[in-house]
PDB file of N, CA and C in Angstrom:
ATOM      1  N   MET A   1       0.875  -1.390  -0.110  1.00  0.00           N
ATOM      2  CA  MET A   1       0.004  -0.141   0.035  1.00  0.00           C
ATOM      3  C   MET A   1       0.968   1.097  -0.143  1.00  0.00           C
ATOM      4  N   ARG A   2       1.583   1.249   0.677  1.00  0.00           N
ATOM      5  CA  ARG A   2       2.761   2.572   0.803  1.00  0.00           C
ATOM      6  C   ARG A   2       3.477   2.706  -0.444  1.00  0.00           C
ATOM      7  N   THR A   3       4.134   1.695  -1.081  1.00  0.00           N
ATOM      8  CA  THR A   3       4.641   1.774  -2.197  1.00  0.00           C
ATOM      9  C   THR A   3       3.584   2.386  -3.392  1.00  0.00           C
ATOM     10  N   ARG A   4       2.514   1.843  -3.519  1.00  0.00           N
ATOM     11  CA  ARG A   4       1.440   2.038  -4.578  1.00  0.00           C
ATOM     12  C   ARG A   4       1.211   3.751  -4.563  1.00  0.00           C
ATOM     13  N   ILE A   5       1.043   4.135  -3.006  1.00  0.00           N
ATOM     14  CA  ILE A   5       0.580   5.634  -3.064  1.00  0.00           C
ATOM     15  C   ILE A   5       1.482   6.249  -3.416  1.00  0.00           C
ATOM     16  N   GLU A   6       3.211   6.105  -3.126  1.00  0.00           N
ATOM     17  CA  GLU A   6       4.374   6.876  -3.683  1.00  0.00           C
ATOM     18  C   GLU A   6       4.545   6.612  -5.119  1.00  0.00           C
ATOM     19  N   GLU A   7       3.876   5.397  -5.621  1.00  0.00           N
ATOM     20  CA  GLU A   7       3.904   5.536  -7.236  1.00  0.00           C
ATOM     21  C   GLU A   7       2.412   6.423  -7.726  1.00  0.00           C
ATOM     22  N   LEU A   8       1.939   6.875  -7.000  1.00  0.00           N
ATOM     23  CA  LEU A   8       0.968   7.830  -7.647  1.00  0.00           C
ATOM     24  C   LEU A   8       1.231   9.123  -8.301  1.00  0.00           C
ATOM     25  N   GLU A   9       2.326   9.711  -7.231  1.00  0.00           N
ATOM     26  CA  GLU A   9       3.129  10.476  -7.415  1.00  0.00           C
ATOM     27  C   GLU A   9       1.696  11.789  -7.244  1.00  0.00           C
ATOM     28  N   ILE A  10       1.395  12.040  -6.114  1.00  0.00           N
ATOM     29  CA  ILE A  10       0.071  12.700  -5.900  1.00  0.00           C
ATOM     30  C   ILE A  10       0.770  13.961  -5.209  1.00  0.00           C
ATOM     31  N   GLU A  11       0.741  15.284  -6.127  1.00  0.00           N
ATOM     32  CA  GLU A  11       1.577  16.586  -5.647  1.00  0.00           C
ATOM     33  C   GLU A  11       0.937  17.154  -4.054  1.00  0.00           C
ATOM     34  N   ASN A  12       1.744  17.647  -3.412  1.00  0.00           N
ATOM     35  CA  ASN A  12       1.415  18.448  -2.436  1.00  0.00           C
ATOM     36  C   ASN A  12       1.472  19.955  -2.561  1.00  0.00           C
ATOM     37  N   GLU A  13       0.445  20.212  -2.225  1.00  0.00           N
ATOM     38  CA  GLU A  13       0.250  21.855  -2.943  1.00  0.00           C
ATOM     39  C   GLU A  13       1.120  22.551  -1.872  1.00  0.00           C
ATOM     40  N   GLU A  14       1.155  22.182  -0.430  1.00  0.00           N
ATOM     41  CA  GLU A  14       1.612  22.908   0.545  1.00  0.00           C
ATOM     42  C   GLU A  14       3.346  22.718   0.516  1.00  0.00           C
ATOM     43  N   ALA A  15       4.015  21.748  -0.181  1.00  0.00           N
ATOM     44  CA  ALA A  15       5.399  21.376  -0.088  1.00  0.00           C
ATOM     45  C   ALA A  15       6.129  21.150  -1.867  1.00  0.00           C
ATOM     46  N   GLU A  16       6.773  20.825  -1.878  1.00  0.00           N
ATOM     47  CA  GLU A  16       7.548  20.291  -3.144  1.00  0.00           C
ATOM     48  C   GLU A  16       8.034  19.085  -3.258  1.00  0.00           C
ATOM     49  N   SER A  17       6.988  18.327  -2.700  1.00  0.00           N
ATOM     50  CA  SER A  17       7.159  17.033  -2.815  1.00  0.00           C
ATOM     51  C   SER A  17       5.944  16.063  -2.579  1.00  0.00           C
ATOM     52  N   CYS A  18       5.907  14.860  -3.033  1.00  0.00           N
ATOM     53  CA  CYS A  18       4.609  14.060  -3.034  1.00  0.00           C
ATOM     54  C   CYS A  18       3.862  13.733  -2.020  1.00  0.00           C
ATOM     55  N   ILE A  19       2.980  13.387  -2.141  1.00  0.00           N
ATOM     56  CA  ILE A  19       2.307  12.553  -0.997  1.00  0.00           C
ATOM     57  C   ILE A  19       2.835  11.452  -0.601  1.00  0.00           C
ATOM     58  N   THR A  20       3.105  11.097   0.768  1.00  0.00           N
ATOM     59  CA  THR A  20       3.728   9.646   1.090  1.00  0.00           C
ATOM     60  C   THR A  20       3.212   9.346   2.132  1.00  0.00           C
ATOM     61  N   VAL A  21       2.948   7.794   2.505  1.00  0.00           N
ATOM     62  CA  VAL A  21       2.520   7.591   3.675  1.00  0.00           C
ATOM     63  C   VAL A  21       3.586   6.885   4.788  1.00  0.00           C
ATOM     64  N   SER A  22       2.986   6.784   5.936  1.00  0.00           N
ATOM     65  CA  SER A  22       3.980   5.844   6.933  1.00  0.00           C
ATOM     66  C   SER A  22       2.456   5.102   7.863  1.00  0.00           C
ATOM     67  N   LEU A  23       2.935   3.879   7.681  1.00  0.00           N
ATOM     68  CA  LEU A  23       2.092   2.723   8.538  1.00  0.00           C
ATOM     69  C   LEU A  23       2.969   2.298   9.742  1.00  0.00           C
ATOM     70  N   GLY A  24       2.032   2.082  10.730  1.00  0.00           N
ATOM     71  CA  GLY A  24       2.421   1.331  11.600  1.00  0.00           C
ATOM     72  C   GLY A  24       1.478   0.066  11.648  1.00  0.00           C
ATOM     73  N   VAL A  25       2.144  -0.941  11.913  1.00  0.00           N
ATOM     74  CA  VAL A  25       0.985  -2.033  11.927  1.00  0.00           C
ATOM     75  C   VAL A  25       1.665  -3.227  13.025  1.00  0.00           C
ATOM     76  N   ALA A  26       0.672  -3.932  13.905  1.00  0.00           N
ATOM     77  CA  ALA A  26       0.812  -4.706  15.013  1.00  0.00           C
ATOM     78  C   ALA A  26       0.175  -6.094  14.151  1.00  0.00           C
ATOM     79  N   SER A  27       0.747  -7.377  14.885  1.00  0.00           N
ATOM     80  CA  SER A  27       0.375  -8.516  14.524  1.00  0.00           C
ATOM     81  C   SER A  27       0.753  -9.468  15.714  1.00  0.00           C
ATOM     82  N   ILE A  28      -0.260 -10.323  15.796  1.00  0.00           N
ATOM     83  CA  ILE A  28      -0.086 -11.062  16.975  1.00  0.00           C
ATOM     84  C   ILE A  28      -0.488 -12.957  16.391  1.00  0.00           C
ATOM     85  N   VAL A  29       0.127 -13.652  17.193  1.00  0.00           N
ATOM     86  CA  VAL A  29      -0.347 -15.134  16.702  1.00  0.00           C
ATOM     87  C   VAL A  29      -1.713 -15.186  17.585  1.00  0.00           C
ATOM     88  N   PRO A  30      -2.475 -16.365  17.016  1.00  0.00           N
ATOM     89  CA  PRO A  30      -3.725 -16.413  17.392  1.00  0.00           C
ATOM     90  C   PRO A  30      -4.034 -16.712  19.269  1.00  0.00           C
ATOM     91  N   ASP A  31      -3.034 -17.415  19.563  1.00  0.00           N
ATOM     92  CA  ASP A  31      -3.239 -17.600  21.010  1.00  0.00           C
ATOM     93  C   ASP A  31      -2.507 -17.096  21.952  1.00  0.00           C
ATOM     94  N   ASN A  32      -2.147 -15.368  21.565  1.00  0.00           N
ATOM     95  CA  ASN A  32      -1.636 -14.805  22.576  1.00  0.00           C
ATOM     96  C   ASN A  32      -2.853 -14.100  23.224  1.00  0.00           C
ATOM     97  N   GLU A  33      -2.502 -13.553  24.548  1.00  0.00           N
ATOM     98  CA  GLU A  33      -3.709 -12.984  25.323  1.00  0.00           C
ATOM     99  C   GLU A  33      -3.642 -11.640  25.267  1.00  0.00           C
ATOM    100  N   MET A  34      -2.869 -10.895  24.383  1.00  0.00           N
ATOM    101  CA  MET A  34      -2.899  -9.377  23.800  1.00  0.00           C
ATOM    102  C   MET A  34      -4.209  -8.672  24.020  1.00  0.00           C
ATOM    103  N   GLU A  35      -4.812  -7.706  25.018  1.00  0.00           N
ATOM    104  CA  GLU A  35      -6.189  -7.204  24.691  1.00  0.00           C
ATOM    105  C   GLU A  35      -6.033  -6.390  23.556  1.00  0.00           C
ATOM    106  N   PRO A  36      -6.966  -6.256  22.913  1.00  0.00           N
ATOM    107  CA  PRO A  36      -7.125  -5.294  21.549  1.00  0.00           C
ATOM    108  C   PRO A  36      -6.417  -3.758  21.905  1.00  0.00           C
ATOM    109  N   TYR A  37      -7.114  -3.379  23.000  1.00  0.00           N
ATOM    110  CA  TYR A  37      -6.410  -1.848  23.155  1.00  0.00           C
ATOM    111  C   TYR A  37      -4.548  -2.102  22.821  1.00  0.00           C
ATOM    112  N   GLU A  38      -4.316  -2.931  23.638  1.00  0.00           N
ATOM    113  CA  GLU A  38      -2.482  -3.273  23.653  1.00  0.00           C
ATOM    114  C   GLU A  38      -2.477  -3.188  22.408  1.00  0.00           C
ATOM    115  N   LEU A  39      -2.608  -4.508  21.343  1.00  0.00           N
ATOM    116  CA  LEU A  39      -2.380  -4.238  19.606  1.00  0.00           C
ATOM    117  C   LEU A  39      -2.696  -2.661  18.890  1.00  0.00           C
ATOM    118  N   ILE A  40      -3.641  -2.034  19.374  1.00  0.00           N
ATOM    119  CA  ILE A  40      -3.831  -0.766  18.782  1.00  0.00           C
ATOM    120  C   ILE A  40      -2.689   0.152  19.176  1.00  0.00           C
ATOM    121  N   ASP A  41      -2.114   0.175  20.693  1.00  0.00           N
ATOM    122  CA  ASP A  41      -1.544   0.792  21.157  1.00  0.00           C
ATOM    123  C   ASP A  41       0.034   0.525  20.191  1.00  0.00           C
ATOM    124  N   ALA A  42       0.433  -0.520  20.417  1.00  0.00           N
ATOM    125  CA  ALA A  42       1.486  -1.244  19.486  1.00  0.00           C
ATOM    126  C   ALA A  42       1.287  -0.532  18.289  1.00  0.00           C
ATOM    127  N   ALA A  43       0.762  -0.955  17.468  1.00  0.00           N
ATOM    128  CA  ALA A  43       0.574  -0.053  15.922  1.00  0.00           C
ATOM    129  C   ALA A  43       0.721   1.142  15.780  1.00  0.00           C
ATOM    130  N   ASP A  44       0.046   2.530  17.065  1.00  0.00           N
ATOM    131  CA  ASP A  44       0.215   3.350  17.401  1.00  0.00           C
ATOM    132  C   ASP A  44       2.044   3.600  17.335  1.00  0.00           C
ATOM    133  N   ARG A  45       2.239   2.864  18.389  1.00  0.00           N
ATOM    134  CA  ARG A  45       4.044   3.392  18.504  1.00  0.00           C
ATOM    135  C   ARG A  45       4.642   2.740  17.606  1.00  0.00           C
ATOM    136  N   GLU A  46       4.523   1.927  16.464  1.00  0.00           N
ATOM    137  CA  GLU A  46       5.059   1.620  15.461  1.00  0.00           C
ATOM    138  C   GLU A  46       5.004   2.782  14.713  1.00  0.00           C
ATOM    139  N   LEU A  47       3.623   3.571  14.322  1.00  0.00           N
ATOM    140  CA  LEU A  47       3.559   4.503  13.263  1.00  0.00           C
ATOM    141  C   LEU A  47       4.512   5.832  13.712  1.00  0.00           C
ATOM    142  N   TYR A  48       4.443   6.148  14.816  1.00  0.00           N
ATOM    143  CA  TYR A  48       5.467   7.154  15.611  1.00  0.00           C
ATOM    144  C   TYR A  48       6.771   6.862  15.117  1.00  0.00           C
ATOM    145  N   LYS A  49       7.479   5.359  15.322  1.00  0.00           N
ATOM    146  CA  LYS A  49       8.478   5.071  14.866  1.00  0.00           C
ATOM    147  C   LYS A  49       9.012   5.341  13.540  1.00  0.00           C
ATOM    148  N   ALA A  50       8.008   4.858  12.954  1.00  0.00           N
ATOM    149  CA  ALA A  50       8.160   5.568  10.973  1.00  0.00           C
ATOM    150  C   ALA A  50       8.370   6.842  10.887  1.00  0.00           C
ATOM    151  N   LYS A  51       7.307   7.466  11.420  1.00  0.00           N
ATOM    152  CA  LYS A  51       7.716   8.913  11.148  1.00  0.00           C
ATOM    153  C   LYS A  51       8.936   9.583  12.024  1.00  0.00           C
ATOM    154  N   GLU A  52       9.344   9.113  13.066  1.00  0.00           N
ATOM    155  CA  GLU A  52      10.250   9.527  13.437  1.00  0.00           C
ATOM    156  C   GLU A  52      11.517   8.841  12.551  1.00  0.00           C
ATOM    157  N   ASP A  53      11.586   8.009  11.778  1.00  0.00           N
ATOM    158  CA  ASP A  53      12.739   7.354  10.962  1.00  0.00           C
ATOM    159  C   ASP A  53      12.706   7.566   9.877  1.00  0.00           C
ATOM    160  N   GLY A  54      11.983   9.252   9.503  1.00  0.00           N
ATOM    161  CA  GLY A  54      12.319   9.598   8.449  1.00  0.00           C
ATOM    162  C   GLY A  54      10.698   9.728   7.457  1.00  0.00           C
ATOM    163  N   ARG A  55       9.510   9.112   7.851  1.00  0.00           N
ATOM    164  CA  ARG A  55       8.614   8.582   7.192  1.00  0.00           C
ATOM    165  C   ARG A  55       8.461   7.830   6.001  1.00  0.00           C
ATOM    166  N   ASN A  56       7.522   7.705   5.013  1.00  0.00           N
ATOM    167  CA  ASN A  56       7.347   6.860   4.053  1.00  0.00           C
ATOM    168  C   ASN A  56       7.840   5.300   4.227  1.00  0.00           C
ATOM    169  N   LYS A  57       7.795   4.995   5.573  1.00  0.00           N
ATOM    170  CA  LYS A  57       7.905   3.748   6.243  1.00  0.00           C
ATOM    171  C   LYS A  57       6.545   2.799   6.511  1.00  0.00           C
ATOM    172  N   VAL A  58       7.212   1.688   6.360  1.00  0.00           N
ATOM    173  CA  VAL A  58       5.998   0.733   7.451  1.00  0.00           C
ATOM    174  C   VAL A  58       7.065   0.044   8.732  1.00  0.00           C
ATOM    175  N   MET A  59       6.269   0.376   9.518  1.00  0.00           N
ATOM    176  CA  MET A  59       6.899  -0.184  10.938  1.00  0.00           C
ATOM    177  C   MET A  59       6.094  -1.315  11.485  1.00  0.00           C
ATOM    178  N   VAL A  60       6.548  -2.479  11.857  1.00  0.00           N
ATOM    179  CA  VAL A  60       5.775  -3.821  12.181  1.00  0.00           C
ATOM    180  C   VAL A  60       6.077  -4.398  13.616  1.00  0.00           C
ATOM    181  N   TYR A  61       4.779  -4.310  14.515  1.00  0.00           N
ATOM    182  CA  TYR A  61       5.079  -4.808  15.880  1.00  0.00           C
ATOM    183  C   TYR A  61       4.444  -6.151  15.628  1.00  0.00           C
ATOM    184  N   ARG A  62       5.422  -7.216  16.035  1.00  0.00           N
ATOM    185  CA  ARG A  62       5.072  -8.448  15.890  1.00  0.00           C
ATOM    186  C   ARG A  62       5.192  -9.145  17.470  1.00  0.00           C
ATOM    187  N   VAL A  63       4.401  -9.990  17.843  1.00  0.00           N
ATOM    188  CA  VAL A  63       4.334 -10.808  19.050  1.00  0.00           C
ATOM    189  C   VAL A  63       4.080 -12.307  18.859  1.00  0.00           C
TER     190      VAL A  63
END
């Protein structure tokens, strides 16, 4: 998804660059006892890591 959005080359009116996307993803194995809110929190932390690491990235949290 990230690369497809980058390939669209959508111009950003407020900057001299094209629009890109950063994603934070969390995945768990079915028998994990992680609560849904913990999974969402993990994905959110990964999103911020992607942004801090230069944007236009996918960061994955795996349990």
